[in-house]
Amino acid sequence: MTAKLIYVATESLDGYIEDAQGKFDWTAPDEEVHRFVNDLLRPVGTYLYGRRMYETMQVWEEQYGNESDPPYARDFARLWRAADKVVYSTALNQVSTPRTRLERTFVVAAIREMKSRARQDLGIGGHGLAAHAFRAGLVDEINLFIVPIIVGGGKPALPDDVRLKLQLVDERRFERSGVVHLRYATA
């Protein structure tokens, strides 16, 4: 079995992962969505991140997941800490979290090799990095969490210059928050 490369994004109804001011506080999941995301990401053994996504996520190493946090946050922190992380950046001099390595360039052949050797799925995060993976045809699954908000502009969840046929695999509505999850396989 070949591991899948999975893209997960939380976006506004108009398709943005952050607004024109770079804010994404409206993407914070409630408990129900958080638990669902935990289960969705449980099979991921390695995360591929761009610099900004890594800097956003590294708070799960020490800041979140403590005994004072809710069980679903502690669960996510355990999952994140147990996974390997590969950070693609020319700006960072080093990474500060365990199980993390720094790569200077995103090499398509290296990612294909990583997928073929992986025993668990890989997740990819960060708009720019994910765009490279989409262009190279590396993404196997897309999970979009659509938040009921229109932000009017910002950073798009999906690259503009990629055409990709998808197959809807699953969908779910979260009643309390109004978030909708759409899961697609690439054709």
Protein backbone atom coordinates (compact mmCIF):
# COMPACT_ATOMS: atom_id res chain seq x y z
CA MET A 1 0.00 0.00 0.00
CA THR A 2 1.35 3.38 -0.98
CA ALA A 3 0.86 6.17 1.51
CA LYS A 4 -1.42 9.03 0.53
CA LEU A 5 -0.46 12.70 0.52
CA ILE A 6 -3.36 14.49 2.20
CA TYR A 7 -4.11 18.20 2.03
CA VAL A 8 -6.30 19.61 4.80
CA ALA A 9 -7.47 23.22 4.85
CA THR A 10 -10.00 25.26 6.75
CA GLU A 11 -11.43 27.92 4.49
CA SER A 12 -14.08 30.59 4.32
CA LEU A 13 -17.14 30.03 2.17
CA ASP A 14 -15.50 32.22 -0.48
CA GLY A 15 -12.39 30.01 -0.52
CA TYR A 16 -9.75 31.72 1.65
CA ILE A 17 -7.57 30.25 4.40
CA GLU A 18 -6.76 33.71 5.75
CA ASP A 19 -8.27 37.12 5.13
CA ALA A 20 -6.66 40.09 3.37
CA GLN A 21 -5.01 41.15 6.66
CA GLY A 22 -3.47 37.69 7.14
CA LYS A 23 -5.85 36.77 9.96
CA PHE A 24 -7.29 33.30 10.33
CA ASP A 25 -8.73 33.39 13.87
CA TRP A 26 -12.14 32.56 12.38
CA THR A 27 -10.81 29.08 11.47
CA ALA A 28 -10.48 27.88 15.10
CA PRO A 29 -12.49 24.65 15.42
CA ASP A 30 -14.98 23.95 18.18
CA GLU A 31 -14.73 20.67 20.11
CA GLU A 32 -16.83 18.67 17.64
CA VAL A 33 -14.78 19.71 14.62
CA HIS A 34 -11.50 19.37 16.54
CA ARG A 35 -12.27 15.76 17.49
CA PHE A 36 -13.16 15.00 13.86
CA VAL A 37 -9.88 16.55 12.65
CA ASN A 38 -7.96 14.49 15.23
CA ASP A 39 -9.48 11.30 13.84
CA LEU A 40 -8.87 12.43 10.27
CA LEU A 41 -5.18 13.09 10.97
CA ARG A 42 -4.59 10.03 13.18
CA PRO A 43 -3.17 7.99 10.22
CA VAL A 44 -0.66 10.76 9.31
CA GLY A 45 2.91 9.85 10.22
CA THR A 46 4.68 12.78 8.56
CA TYR A 47 3.72 16.40 7.97
CA LEU A 48 5.23 18.46 5.17
CA TYR A 49 5.12 22.16 6.01
CA GLY A 50 6.13 25.46 4.56
CA ARG A 51 7.79 27.88 6.99
CA ARG A 52 4.69 29.83 8.02
CA MET A 53 2.59 26.70 8.60
CA TYR A 54 5.38 25.17 10.67
CA GLU A 55 5.67 28.34 12.75
CA THR A 56 1.90 28.27 13.29
CA MET A 57 1.81 24.59 14.24
CA GLN A 58 4.90 24.37 16.46
CA VAL A 59 2.91 25.76 19.41
CA TRP A 60 1.56 22.20 19.76
CA GLU A 61 4.98 21.12 20.97
CA GLU A 62 4.90 22.96 24.30
CA GLN A 63 2.18 25.60 24.49
CA TYR A 64 -0.86 23.36 23.91
CA GLY A 65 -1.67 19.85 25.00
CA ASN A 66 -1.04 20.32 28.71
CA GLU A 67 -3.17 18.73 31.42
CA SER A 68 -5.12 21.99 31.78
CA ASP A 69 -6.22 21.79 28.13
CA PRO A 70 -9.37 19.90 27.08
CA PRO A 71 -8.93 16.21 26.17
CA TYR A 72 -9.36 16.83 22.42
CA ALA A 73 -6.50 19.40 22.48
CA ARG A 74 -4.28 16.99 24.43
CA ASP A 75 -5.12 14.29 21.88
CA PHE A 76 -4.13 16.51 18.96
CA ALA A 77 -0.91 17.55 20.69
CA ARG A 78 0.04 13.86 21.20
CA LEU A 79 -0.66 13.12 17.53
CA TRP A 80 1.34 16.13 16.33
CA ARG A 81 4.30 15.42 18.61
CA ALA A 82 4.43 11.76 17.54
CA ALA A 83 4.58 12.60 13.83
CA ASP A 84 7.68 13.44 11.84
CA LYS A 85 7.82 16.93 10.35
CA VAL A 86 9.66 18.12 7.25
CA VAL A 87 9.88 21.90 6.91
CA TYR A 88 10.68 23.41 3.51
CA SER A 89 12.27 26.82 3.92
CA THR A 90 15.15 28.91 2.69
CA ALA A 91 14.55 31.49 5.42
CA LEU A 92 14.86 29.29 8.52
CA ASN A 93 18.32 28.49 9.86
CA GLN A 94 17.07 25.67 12.07
CA VAL A 95 13.95 24.00 13.39
CA SER A 96 13.12 23.90 17.08
CA THR A 97 10.88 20.88 17.49
CA PRO A 98 11.81 17.20 17.87
CA ARG A 99 11.23 14.78 14.99
CA THR A 100 11.66 17.68 12.55
CA ARG A 101 14.09 18.19 9.71
CA LEU A 102 14.71 21.20 7.51
CA GLU A 103 14.85 20.97 3.72
CA ARG A 104 15.78 23.90 1.51
CA THR A 105 13.89 22.87 -1.63
CA PHE A 106 10.77 20.91 -2.50
CA VAL A 107 11.95 18.14 -4.82
CA VAL A 108 9.12 16.26 -6.51
CA ALA A 109 11.11 13.03 -6.94
CA ALA A 110 12.05 13.07 -3.24
CA ILE A 111 8.40 13.42 -2.24
CA ARG A 112 7.40 10.55 -4.52
CA GLU A 113 10.13 8.45 -2.92
CA MET A 114 8.97 9.49 0.56
CA LYS A 115 5.40 8.44 -0.30
CA SER A 116 6.52 5.08 -1.68
CA ARG A 117 8.52 4.27 1.48
CA ALA A 118 6.07 5.64 4.06
CA ARG A 119 4.15 3.24 6.26
CA GLN A 120 1.67 5.96 7.20
CA ASP A 121 0.01 8.75 5.25
CA LEU A 122 1.63 12.14 4.81
CA GLY A 123 -0.07 15.48 5.38
CA ILE A 124 0.85 18.69 3.61
CA GLY A 125 0.17 22.16 4.92
CA GLY A 126 0.89 25.67 3.82
CA HIS A 127 -0.54 27.37 0.76
CA GLY A 128 2.69 27.71 -1.22
CA LEU A 129 4.04 24.26 -0.45
CA ALA A 130 0.70 22.60 -1.19
CA ALA A 131 0.53 24.46 -4.51
CA HIS A 132 3.83 22.82 -5.55
CA ALA A 133 2.40 19.41 -4.63
CA PHE A 134 -0.84 20.07 -6.54
CA ARG A 135 1.08 21.19 -9.65
CA ALA A 136 3.23 18.03 -9.50
CA GLY A 137 0.21 15.75 -9.15
CA LEU A 138 1.31 14.51 -5.72
CA VAL A 139 -1.87 15.20 -3.72
CA ASP A 140 -4.09 12.13 -3.32
CA GLU A 141 -6.78 13.52 -1.04
CA ILE A 142 -8.23 16.94 -0.24
CA ASN A 143 -10.11 17.69 2.96
CA LEU A 144 -11.78 21.08 3.10
CA PHE A 145 -13.47 22.43 6.21
CA ILE A 146 -15.74 25.25 5.08
CA VAL A 147 -16.48 27.83 7.77
CA PRO A 148 -19.71 29.81 7.40
CA ILE A 149 -18.05 33.18 6.86
CA ILE A 150 -17.23 35.31 3.84
CA VAL A 151 -13.96 37.24 4.22
CA GLY A 152 -13.90 38.95 0.82
CA GLY A 153 -10.30 38.20 -0.13
CA GLY A 154 -6.99 36.93 1.15
CA LYS A 155 -4.94 33.78 0.62
CA PRO A 156 -6.83 31.14 -1.37
CA ALA A 157 -7.08 27.58 -0.07
CA LEU A 158 -6.34 26.09 -3.49
CA PRO A 159 -3.91 27.16 -6.21
CA ASP A 160 -5.29 29.19 -9.12
CA ASP A 161 -3.26 27.52 -11.85
CA VAL A 162 -4.22 23.86 -11.30
CA ARG A 163 -7.01 21.94 -12.95
CA LEU A 164 -7.78 18.66 -11.20
CA LYS A 165 -10.74 16.30 -11.46
CA LEU A 166 -11.96 15.18 -8.04
CA GLN A 167 -14.26 12.51 -6.66
CA LEU A 168 -16.35 13.31 -3.59
CA VAL A 169 -15.63 10.59 -1.03
CA ASP A 170 -17.32 11.94 2.09
CA GLU A 171 -19.14 14.96 3.46
CA ARG A 172 -20.28 16.01 6.90
CA ARG A 173 -22.16 18.91 8.43
CA PHE A 174 -21.33 20.06 11.93
CA GLU A 175 -24.59 21.41 13.33
CA ARG A 176 -23.30 23.59 16.17
CA SER A 177 -20.65 25.47 14.22
CA GLY A 178 -22.17 25.29 10.74
CA VAL A 179 -18.84 23.99 9.36
CA VAL A 180 -19.06 21.59 6.42
CA HIS A 181 -16.35 19.01 5.71
CA LEU A 182 -15.78 17.83 2.13
CA ARG A 183 -13.38 15.00 1.39
CA TYR A 184 -12.22 14.43 -2.17
CA ALA A 185 -9.96 11.89 -3.81
CA THR A 186 -7.98 13.02 -6.82
CA ALA A 187 -9.00 11.24 -10.01
